Amino acid sequence: GCSSLARPKGHYIGLVAHDFPGSTTWITNFTDATHVRPNMIQYYTGFDQPFDPTVACQVIQGGALPVIQLQPWEKGEVAAIAAGQDNSFLASYADAIKAFGGPVALSFGHEMNGTWYPWGSGHVTPATFIAAWRAIHDAFTAASVTNVIWLWTGNKNETPPREWWPGRKYVTWVGIDGYYTHSKDTWNSTFKSTLKAVRKFTHKKVLIAETAVGPGPHRARQIRNLFAGMRRHKTMLGFIWFDIDKRRNWNLETSKSGVRAFRKKAPRYLRQRT
């Protein structure tokens, strides 16, 4: 069934897979290469798309938590949600997730403190974003939905994350997106200052909601560094590897030394208690 999923005793190692939803081929490729069966699968959907229980069920049956990133691509969408114009859609979405019954992590308008998305900084004010986030959350509260984990996902080191914070009552977990883009990047240069900024306004558990190490001569070393950084921070839930060729090839399976490093470090991290 899809209504239950054992909470991992240790950490999460999640995946964004190239062809999912639709196919599980890349999830299988990743699992075969790394010997890690991801216990979290993240995927992206337009805000106006209805909830698809079949996809979420497929994730849970694979032993993973579905993490859905709702993306308000339409111009003016965030303002419309904030103004209550999408209330009937929200009510039906909330009812669908409640009826589904299984655990679902939901995020909305991720990386909003960056400038590159139409719902982000420079396009939407933090106040409008917060009002929209709360409107979504309120719709679920009104429908008495209890199976949602609210994942608020900022980007590292862009406009201060605090400006976009909807408040403790509206968030279960904090997500941070950040990548090892250059061969000199480390855990500290990627996440330290953002984590410090987040800790000034909340002590909620943190998930690195998107990360990966780009191709380069130091990929294996940087993967070891990622695991070391994750292990050091006890309030971390885990991380989601963005296993996609997008702007750079983040695909782990293309690197033998990267796969080896990942395979060596992952088991201990998965076991380590949060």
C-alpha atoms as a PDB file:
ATOM      1  CA  GLY A   1       0.000   0.000   0.000  1.00  0.00           C
ATOM      2  CA  CYS A   2       0.905   3.670  -0.129  1.00  0.00           C
ATOM      3  CA  SER A   3      -0.377   4.921   3.168  1.00  0.00           C
ATOM      4  CA  SER A   4       2.645   3.992   5.263  1.00  0.00           C
ATOM      5  CA  LEU A   5       6.373   4.496   5.050  1.00  0.00           C
ATOM      6  CA  ALA A   6       8.909   3.702   7.751  1.00  0.00           C
ATOM      7  CA  ARG A   7      10.824   6.795   8.827  1.00  0.00           C
ATOM      8  CA  PRO A   8      14.549   6.059   8.338  1.00  0.00           C
ATOM      9  CA  LYS A   9      16.483   5.444  11.538  1.00  0.00           C
ATOM     10  CA  GLY A  10      19.400   7.362  10.094  1.00  0.00           C
ATOM     11  CA  HIS A  11      19.683  10.037   7.419  1.00  0.00           C
ATOM     12  CA  TYR A  12      18.060  10.686   4.093  1.00  0.00           C
ATOM     13  CA  ILE A  13      19.932  10.317   0.834  1.00  0.00           C
ATOM     14  CA  GLY A  14      17.503  11.436  -1.830  1.00  0.00           C
ATOM     15  CA  LEU A  15      17.518  11.746  -5.588  1.00  0.00           C
ATOM     16  CA  VAL A  16      16.222  13.941  -8.372  1.00  0.00           C
ATOM     17  CA  ALA A  17      16.219  11.572 -11.358  1.00  0.00           C
ATOM     18  CA  HIS A  18      16.405  12.640 -14.987  1.00  0.00           C
ATOM     19  CA  ASP A  19      13.320  10.772 -16.189  1.00  0.00           C
ATOM     20  CA  PHE A  20      11.088  10.664 -13.120  1.00  0.00           C
ATOM     21  CA  PRO A  21       8.082  10.935 -13.027  1.00  0.00           C
ATOM     22  CA  GLY A  22       7.551   8.764 -16.070  1.00  0.00           C
ATOM     23  CA  SER A  23      10.218   6.140 -15.694  1.00  0.00           C
ATOM     24  CA  THR A  24      12.305   4.688 -12.885  1.00  0.00           C
ATOM     25  CA  THR A  25      15.275   3.780 -15.106  1.00  0.00           C
ATOM     26  CA  TRP A  26      17.558   6.496 -13.776  1.00  0.00           C
ATOM     27  CA  ILE A  27      16.642   5.761 -10.162  1.00  0.00           C
ATOM     28  CA  THR A  28      17.639   2.136 -10.837  1.00  0.00           C
ATOM     29  CA  ASN A  29      20.873   3.227 -12.564  1.00  0.00           C
ATOM     30  CA  PHE A  30      21.804   5.372  -9.576  1.00  0.00           C
ATOM     31  CA  THR A  31      20.988   2.552  -7.137  1.00  0.00           C
ATOM     32  CA  ASP A  32      22.984   0.003  -9.141  1.00  0.00           C
ATOM     33  CA  ALA A  33      26.007   2.317  -9.388  1.00  0.00           C
ATOM     34  CA  THR A  34      26.106   3.592  -5.793  1.00  0.00           C
ATOM     35  CA  HIS A  35      24.460   0.662  -3.959  1.00  0.00           C
ATOM     36  CA  VAL A  36      22.236   3.311  -2.345  1.00  0.00           C
ATOM     37  CA  ARG A  37      18.503   2.968  -2.656  1.00  0.00           C
ATOM     38  CA  PRO A  38      17.328   6.574  -2.287  1.00  0.00           C
ATOM     39  CA  ASN A  39      14.895   6.981   0.618  1.00  0.00           C
ATOM     40  CA  MET A  40      13.592  10.278  -0.757  1.00  0.00           C
ATOM     41  CA  ILE A  41      12.641  11.124  -4.367  1.00  0.00           C
ATOM     42  CA  GLN A  42      12.135  14.759  -5.332  1.00  0.00           C
ATOM     43  CA  TYR A  43      10.239  15.886  -8.409  1.00  0.00           C
ATOM     44  CA  TYR A  44       8.832  19.143  -9.764  1.00  0.00           C
ATOM     45  CA  THR A  45       5.331  20.046 -10.856  1.00  0.00           C
ATOM     46  CA  GLY A  46       3.597  23.199 -12.042  1.00  0.00           C
ATOM     47  CA  PHE A  47       1.486  24.769  -9.300  1.00  0.00           C
ATOM     48  CA  ASP A  48      -1.641  24.351 -11.442  1.00  0.00           C
ATOM     49  CA  GLN A  49      -1.209  20.571 -11.863  1.00  0.00           C
ATOM     50  CA  PRO A  50      -3.476  18.360  -9.739  1.00  0.00           C
ATOM     51  CA  PHE A  51      -1.861  15.996  -7.252  1.00  0.00           C
ATOM     52  CA  ASP A  52      -0.995  12.649  -8.868  1.00  0.00           C
ATOM     53  CA  PRO A  53      -1.392   9.825  -6.320  1.00  0.00           C
ATOM     54  CA  THR A  54       0.046   7.244  -8.745  1.00  0.00           C
ATOM     55  CA  VAL A  55       3.451   8.947  -8.852  1.00  0.00           C
ATOM     56  CA  ALA A  56       3.555   9.478  -5.081  1.00  0.00           C
ATOM     57  CA  CYS A  57       2.552   5.859  -4.555  1.00  0.00           C
ATOM     58  CA  GLN A  58       5.328   4.646  -6.869  1.00  0.00           C
ATOM     59  CA  VAL A  59       7.839   6.557  -4.710  1.00  0.00           C
ATOM     60  CA  ILE A  60       6.525   5.135  -1.433  1.00  0.00           C
ATOM     61  CA  GLN A  61       6.460   1.598  -2.838  1.00  0.00           C
ATOM     62  CA  GLY A  62      10.137   2.097  -3.663  1.00  0.00           C
ATOM     63  CA  GLY A  63      10.774   2.816   0.018  1.00  0.00           C
ATOM     64  CA  ALA A  64      11.169   6.578  -0.404  1.00  0.00           C
ATOM     65  CA  LEU A  65       9.437   9.757   0.710  1.00  0.00           C
ATOM     66  CA  PRO A  66       7.895  11.767  -2.162  1.00  0.00           C
ATOM     67  CA  VAL A  67       9.131  15.376  -2.141  1.00  0.00           C
ATOM     68  CA  ILE A  68       7.033  17.558  -4.455  1.00  0.00           C
ATOM     69  CA  GLN A  69       8.310  20.975  -5.493  1.00  0.00           C
ATOM     70  CA  LEU A  70       5.321  23.091  -6.557  1.00  0.00           C
ATOM     71  CA  GLN A  71       6.409  25.686  -9.113  1.00  0.00           C
ATOM     72  CA  PRO A  72       4.200  28.737  -9.770  1.00  0.00           C
ATOM     73  CA  TRP A  73       5.384  29.429 -13.349  1.00  0.00           C
ATOM     74  CA  GLU A  74       2.430  31.571 -14.417  1.00  0.00           C
ATOM     75  CA  LYS A  75       2.978  35.319 -14.290  1.00  0.00           C
ATOM     76  CA  GLY A  76       1.126  36.772 -11.296  1.00  0.00           C
ATOM     77  CA  GLU A  77       0.502  33.305  -9.830  1.00  0.00           C
ATOM     78  CA  VAL A  78       2.079  34.012  -6.440  1.00  0.00           C
ATOM     79  CA  ALA A  79       0.074  37.231  -6.043  1.00  0.00           C
ATOM     80  CA  ALA A  80      -3.117  35.392  -7.047  1.00  0.00           C
ATOM     81  CA  ILE A  81      -2.520  32.684  -4.412  1.00  0.00           C
ATOM     82  CA  ALA A  82      -1.765  35.359  -1.802  1.00  0.00           C
ATOM     83  CA  ALA A  83      -5.005  37.166  -2.729  1.00  0.00           C
ATOM     84  CA  GLY A  84      -7.053  33.992  -2.269  1.00  0.00           C
ATOM     85  CA  GLN A  85      -7.871  33.534  -5.955  1.00  0.00           C
ATOM     86  CA  ASP A  86      -6.686  29.902  -5.997  1.00  0.00           C
ATOM     87  CA  ASN A  87      -8.592  28.753  -2.935  1.00  0.00           C
ATOM     88  CA  SER A  88     -10.755  26.185  -4.728  1.00  0.00           C
ATOM     89  CA  PHE A  89      -7.693  24.612  -6.383  1.00  0.00           C
ATOM     90  CA  LEU A  90      -5.899  24.531  -3.023  1.00  0.00           C
ATOM     91  CA  ALA A  91      -8.890  22.920  -1.326  1.00  0.00           C
ATOM     92  CA  SER A  92      -9.037  20.162  -3.959  1.00  0.00           C
ATOM     93  CA  TYR A  93      -5.248  19.643  -3.770  1.00  0.00           C
ATOM     94  CA  ALA A  94      -5.436  19.363   0.025  1.00  0.00           C
ATOM     95  CA  ASP A  95      -8.351  16.906  -0.190  1.00  0.00           C
ATOM     96  CA  ALA A  96      -6.450  14.784  -2.740  1.00  0.00           C
ATOM     97  CA  ILE A  97      -3.376  14.514  -0.505  1.00  0.00           C
ATOM     98  CA  LYS A  98      -5.532  13.760   2.523  1.00  0.00           C
ATOM     99  CA  ALA A  99      -7.318  10.993   0.588  1.00  0.00           C
ATOM    100  CA  PHE A 100      -3.961   9.619  -0.560  1.00  0.00           C
ATOM    101  CA  GLY A 101      -3.051   9.087   3.078  1.00  0.00           C
ATOM    102  CA  GLY A 102       0.662   8.453   2.616  1.00  0.00           C
ATOM    103  CA  PRO A 103       3.384  10.861   3.749  1.00  0.00           C
ATOM    104  CA  VAL A 104       4.247  13.643   1.302  1.00  0.00           C
ATOM    105  CA  ALA A 105       6.767  16.468   1.648  1.00  0.00           C
ATOM    106  CA  LEU A 106       5.558  19.634  -0.109  1.00  0.00           C
ATOM    107  CA  SER A 107       7.572  22.671  -1.050  1.00  0.00           C
ATOM    108  CA  PHE A 108       6.452  25.776  -2.932  1.00  0.00           C
ATOM    109  CA  GLY A 109       8.428  28.302  -4.957  1.00  0.00           C
ATOM    110  CA  HIS A 110      11.876  26.912  -4.133  1.00  0.00           C
ATOM    111  CA  GLU A 111      15.002  29.107  -4.354  1.00  0.00           C
ATOM    112  CA  MET A 112      12.730  32.135  -3.942  1.00  0.00           C
ATOM    113  CA  ASN A 113      15.639  34.142  -2.529  1.00  0.00           C
ATOM    114  CA  GLY A 114      17.396  33.816  -5.904  1.00  0.00           C
ATOM    115  CA  THR A 115      16.527  35.924  -8.941  1.00  0.00           C
ATOM    116  CA  TRP A 116      16.237  33.249 -11.669  1.00  0.00           C
ATOM    117  CA  TYR A 117      12.635  32.077 -11.194  1.00  0.00           C
ATOM    118  CA  PRO A 118       9.505  34.171 -11.894  1.00  0.00           C
ATOM    119  CA  TRP A 119       8.441  33.627  -8.252  1.00  0.00           C
ATOM    120  CA  GLY A 120      11.808  34.746  -6.877  1.00  0.00           C
ATOM    121  CA  SER A 121      13.594  37.857  -5.705  1.00  0.00           C
ATOM    122  CA  GLY A 122      13.097  40.840  -8.006  1.00  0.00           C
ATOM    123  CA  HIS A 123       9.879  39.357  -9.439  1.00  0.00           C
ATOM    124  CA  VAL A 124       7.820  38.825  -6.294  1.00  0.00           C
ATOM    125  CA  THR A 125       8.182  40.597  -2.942  1.00  0.00           C
ATOM    126  CA  PRO A 126       8.971  38.524   0.134  1.00  0.00           C
ATOM    127  CA  ALA A 127       5.670  39.696   1.686  1.00  0.00           C
ATOM    128  CA  THR A 128       3.669  38.345  -1.277  1.00  0.00           C
ATOM    129  CA  PHE A 129       5.588  35.066  -1.236  1.00  0.00           C
ATOM    130  CA  ILE A 130       4.959  34.641   2.502  1.00  0.00           C
ATOM    131  CA  ALA A 131       1.234  35.421   2.089  1.00  0.00           C
ATOM    132  CA  ALA A 132       1.010  32.795  -0.687  1.00  0.00           C
ATOM    133  CA  TRP A 133       2.877  30.194   1.374  1.00  0.00           C
ATOM    134  CA  ARG A 134       0.562  30.771   4.327  1.00  0.00           C
ATOM    135  CA  ALA A 135      -2.535  30.601   2.099  1.00  0.00           C
ATOM    136  CA  ILE A 136      -1.419  27.173   0.844  1.00  0.00           C
ATOM    137  CA  HIS A 137      -0.692  25.970   4.365  1.00  0.00           C
ATOM    138  CA  ASP A 138      -4.021  27.365   5.653  1.00  0.00           C
ATOM    139  CA  ALA A 139      -5.943  25.427   2.988  1.00  0.00           C
ATOM    140  CA  PHE A 140      -4.395  22.186   4.259  1.00  0.00           C
ATOM    141  CA  THR A 141      -5.099  23.119   7.876  1.00  0.00           C
ATOM    142  CA  ALA A 142      -8.733  23.858   6.975  1.00  0.00           C
ATOM    143  CA  ALA A 143      -9.001  20.409   5.375  1.00  0.00           C
ATOM    144  CA  SER A 144      -7.390  18.766   8.471  1.00  0.00           C
ATOM    145  CA  VAL A 145      -4.549  17.265   6.425  1.00  0.00           C
ATOM    146  CA  THR A 146      -2.004  15.582   8.696  1.00  0.00           C
ATOM    147  CA  ASN A 147       0.235  13.697   6.228  1.00  0.00           C
ATOM    148  CA  VAL A 148       2.213  16.658   4.829  1.00  0.00           C
ATOM    149  CA  ILE A 149       5.751  17.678   5.736  1.00  0.00           C
ATOM    150  CA  TRP A 150       6.187  21.369   4.855  1.00  0.00           C
ATOM    151  CA  LEU A 151       9.600  21.911   3.287  1.00  0.00           C
ATOM    152  CA  TRP A 152      10.561  25.560   2.860  1.00  0.00           C
ATOM    153  CA  THR A 153      13.429  25.603   0.345  1.00  0.00           C
ATOM    154  CA  GLY A 154      15.776  28.557  -0.017  1.00  0.00           C
ATOM    155  CA  ASN A 155      18.943  28.865  -2.046  1.00  0.00           C
ATOM    156  CA  LYS A 156      22.369  29.352  -0.533  1.00  0.00           C
ATOM    157  CA  ASN A 157      23.778  32.842  -0.125  1.00  0.00           C
ATOM    158  CA  GLU A 158      21.367  34.860  -2.244  1.00  0.00           C
ATOM    159  CA  THR A 159      19.115  37.535  -0.711  1.00  0.00           C
ATOM    160  CA  PRO A 160      18.868  36.861   3.046  1.00  0.00           C
ATOM    161  CA  PRO A 161      16.660  33.799   3.571  1.00  0.00           C
ATOM    162  CA  ARG A 162      15.067  35.374   6.644  1.00  0.00           C
ATOM    163  CA  GLU A 163      13.124  37.855   4.485  1.00  0.00           C
ATOM    164  CA  TRP A 164      11.236  34.945   2.905  1.00  0.00           C
ATOM    165  CA  TRP A 165      10.512  32.999   6.089  1.00  0.00           C
ATOM    166  CA  PRO A 166       6.767  32.340   6.548  1.00  0.00           C
ATOM    167  CA  GLY A 167       7.100  31.556  10.261  1.00  0.00           C
ATOM    168  CA  ARG A 168       7.596  28.556  12.494  1.00  0.00           C
ATOM    169  CA  LYS A 169       3.953  27.443  12.414  1.00  0.00           C
ATOM    170  CA  TYR A 170       4.040  27.109   8.627  1.00  0.00           C
ATOM    171  CA  VAL A 171       7.195  25.045   8.165  1.00  0.00           C
ATOM    172  CA  THR A 172       8.240  21.520   9.207  1.00  0.00           C
ATOM    173  CA  TRP A 173      11.712  21.347   7.638  1.00  0.00           C
ATOM    174  CA  VAL A 174      14.079  23.918   6.180  1.00  0.00           C
ATOM    175  CA  GLY A 175      15.558  23.131   2.776  1.00  0.00           C
ATOM    176  CA  ILE A 176      18.753  24.649   1.379  1.00  0.00           C
ATOM    177  CA  ASP A 177      19.869  24.232  -2.247  1.00  0.00           C
ATOM    178  CA  GLY A 178      23.569  24.545  -3.028  1.00  0.00           C
ATOM    179  CA  TYR A 179      26.040  22.967  -5.431  1.00  0.00           C
ATOM    180  CA  TYR A 180      29.740  22.272  -5.686  1.00  0.00           C
ATOM    181  CA  THR A 181      30.074  24.097  -9.001  1.00  0.00           C
ATOM    182  CA  HIS A 182      33.830  24.788  -9.030  1.00  0.00           C
ATOM    183  CA  SER A 183      36.642  22.430  -8.183  1.00  0.00           C
ATOM    184  CA  LYS A 184      37.645  24.594  -5.203  1.00  0.00           C
ATOM    185  CA  ASP A 185      34.157  24.507  -3.604  1.00  0.00           C
ATOM    186  CA  THR A 186      33.842  22.937  -0.154  1.00  0.00           C
ATOM    187  CA  TRP A 187      31.060  22.282   2.352  1.00  0.00           C
ATOM    188  CA  ASN A 188      32.018  25.492   4.162  1.00  0.00           C
ATOM    189  CA  SER A 189      32.094  27.705   1.070  1.00  0.00           C
ATOM    190  CA  THR A 190      28.804  26.224  -0.151  1.00  0.00           C
ATOM    191  CA  PHE A 191      26.660  25.968   2.969  1.00  0.00           C
ATOM    192  CA  LYS A 192      28.263  27.426   6.081  1.00  0.00           C
ATOM    193  CA  SER A 193      27.127  31.056   5.860  1.00  0.00           C
ATOM    194  CA  THR A 194      23.597  30.123   4.771  1.00  0.00           C
ATOM    195  CA  LEU A 195      23.249  27.627   7.599  1.00  0.00           C
ATOM    196  CA  LYS A 196      24.439  30.278  10.030  1.00  0.00           C
ATOM    197  CA  ALA A 197      21.875  32.758   8.642  1.00  0.00           C
ATOM    198  CA  VAL A 198      19.069  30.193   8.946  1.00  0.00           C
ATOM    199  CA  ARG A 199      20.051  29.341  12.512  1.00  0.00           C
ATOM    200  CA  LYS A 200      19.463  32.964  13.520  1.00  0.00           C
ATOM    201  CA  PHE A 201      15.713  32.582  12.933  1.00  0.00           C
ATOM    202  CA  THR A 202      14.880  28.876  13.264  1.00  0.00           C
ATOM    203  CA  HIS A 203      16.179  25.668  14.827  1.00  0.00           C
ATOM    204  CA  LYS A 204      14.110  23.373  12.631  1.00  0.00           C
ATOM    205  CA  LYS A 205      15.782  20.362  11.005  1.00  0.00           C
ATOM    206  CA  VAL A 206      17.570  21.116   7.742  1.00  0.00           C
ATOM    207  CA  LEU A 207      17.546  19.134   4.507  1.00  0.00           C
ATOM    208  CA  ILE A 208      19.985  19.929   1.707  1.00  0.00           C
ATOM    209  CA  ALA A 209      17.154  19.806  -0.823  1.00  0.00           C
ATOM    210  CA  GLU A 210      19.323  19.946  -3.952  1.00  0.00           C
ATOM    211  CA  THR A 211      23.032  19.386  -4.224  1.00  0.00           C
ATOM    212  CA  ALA A 212      25.598  17.698  -6.428  1.00  0.00           C
ATOM    213  CA  VAL A 213      29.291  17.880  -7.216  1.00  0.00           C
ATOM    214  CA  GLY A 214      30.094  18.959 -10.753  1.00  0.00           C
ATOM    215  CA  PRO A 215      32.543  17.114 -13.004  1.00  0.00           C
ATOM    216  CA  GLY A 216      36.214  17.857 -12.499  1.00  0.00           C
ATOM    217  CA  PRO A 217      39.487  16.427 -11.213  1.00  0.00           C
ATOM    218  CA  HIS A 218      38.472  16.829  -7.556  1.00  0.00           C
ATOM    219  CA  ARG A 219      35.014  15.278  -7.769  1.00  0.00           C
ATOM    220  CA  ALA A 220      35.754  12.299  -5.510  1.00  0.00           C
ATOM    221  CA  ARG A 221      37.428  14.511  -2.910  1.00  0.00           C
ATOM    222  CA  GLN A 222      34.499  16.933  -2.975  1.00  0.00           C
ATOM    223  CA  ILE A 223      32.001  14.102  -2.537  1.00  0.00           C
ATOM    224  CA  ARG A 224      33.951  12.971   0.533  1.00  0.00           C
ATOM    225  CA  ASN A 225      33.873  16.588   1.734  1.00  0.00           C
ATOM    226  CA  LEU A 226      30.079  16.723   1.256  1.00  0.00           C
ATOM    227  CA  PHE A 227      29.589  13.622   3.411  1.00  0.00           C
ATOM    228  CA  ALA A 228      32.002  14.930   6.055  1.00  0.00           C
ATOM    229  CA  GLY A 229      30.104  18.219   6.242  1.00  0.00           C
ATOM    230  CA  MET A 230      26.759  16.434   6.493  1.00  0.00           C
ATOM    231  CA  ARG A 231      28.032  14.176   9.268  1.00  0.00           C
ATOM    232  CA  ARG A 232      29.365  17.112  11.294  1.00  0.00           C
ATOM    233  CA  HIS A 233      26.001  18.859  11.445  1.00  0.00           C
ATOM    234  CA  LYS A 234      23.713  16.912  13.713  1.00  0.00           C
ATOM    235  CA  THR A 235      20.565  18.911  12.853  1.00  0.00           C
ATOM    236  CA  MET A 236      20.815  17.803   9.213  1.00  0.00           C
ATOM    237  CA  LEU A 237      18.215  15.369   7.917  1.00  0.00           C
ATOM    238  CA  GLY A 238      20.231  14.456   4.844  1.00  0.00           C
ATOM    239  CA  PHE A 239      20.586  15.568   1.252  1.00  0.00           C
ATOM    240  CA  ILE A 240      19.051  15.096  -2.200  1.00  0.00           C
ATOM    241  CA  TRP A 241      21.436  14.530  -5.093  1.00  0.00           C
ATOM    242  CA  PHE A 242      20.421  16.337  -8.299  1.00  0.00           C
ATOM    243  CA  ASP A 243      21.337  13.592 -10.750  1.00  0.00           C
ATOM    244  CA  ILE A 244      20.623  15.550 -13.927  1.00  0.00           C
ATOM    245  CA  ASP A 245      22.586  17.027 -16.823  1.00  0.00           C
ATOM    246  CA  LYS A 246      21.393  20.626 -16.568  1.00  0.00           C
ATOM    247  CA  ARG A 247      23.803  23.477 -17.321  1.00  0.00           C
ATOM    248  CA  ARG A 248      26.458  21.110 -16.002  1.00  0.00           C
ATOM    249  CA  ASN A 249      26.444  17.346 -15.907  1.00  0.00           C
ATOM    250  CA  TRP A 250      25.666  16.611 -12.251  1.00  0.00           C
ATOM    251  CA  ASN A 251      25.013  12.986 -13.151  1.00  0.00           C
ATOM    252  CA  LEU A 252      27.028  10.932 -10.664  1.00  0.00           C
ATOM    253  CA  GLU A 253      27.159   7.748 -12.748  1.00  0.00           C
ATOM    254  CA  THR A 254      29.412   9.443 -15.336  1.00  0.00           C
ATOM    255  CA  SER A 255      32.284   9.478 -12.840  1.00  0.00           C
ATOM    256  CA  LYS A 256      33.902   6.211 -11.717  1.00  0.00           C
ATOM    257  CA  SER A 257      35.908   7.864  -8.939  1.00  0.00           C
ATOM    258  CA  GLY A 258      32.829   9.864  -7.865  1.00  0.00           C
ATOM    259  CA  VAL A 259      30.717   6.727  -7.671  1.00  0.00           C
ATOM    260  CA  ARG A 260      33.431   4.957  -5.665  1.00  0.00           C
ATOM    261  CA  ALA A 261      33.645   7.816  -3.159  1.00  0.00           C
ATOM    262  CA  PHE A 262      29.852   7.951  -2.838  1.00  0.00           C
ATOM    263  CA  ARG A 263      29.561   4.191  -2.426  1.00  0.00           C
ATOM    264  CA  LYS A 264      32.170   4.215   0.309  1.00  0.00           C
ATOM    265  CA  LYS A 265      30.731   7.110   2.352  1.00  0.00           C
ATOM    266  CA  ALA A 266      26.973   6.598   1.944  1.00  0.00           C
ATOM    267  CA  PRO A 267      26.332   3.497   4.100  1.00  0.00           C
ATOM    268  CA  ARG A 268      27.779   5.030   7.260  1.00  0.00           C
ATOM    269  CA  TYR A 269      25.870   8.256   6.665  1.00  0.00           C
ATOM    270  CA  LEU A 270      22.575   6.431   6.100  1.00  0.00           C
ATOM    271  CA  ARG A 271      23.057   4.580   9.390  1.00  0.00           C
ATOM    272  CA  GLN A 272      24.160   7.577  11.464  1.00  0.00           C
ATOM    273  CA  ARG A 273      21.287   8.604  13.733  1.00  0.00           C
ATOM    274  CA  THR A 274      19.728  12.041  13.293  1.00  0.00           C
END
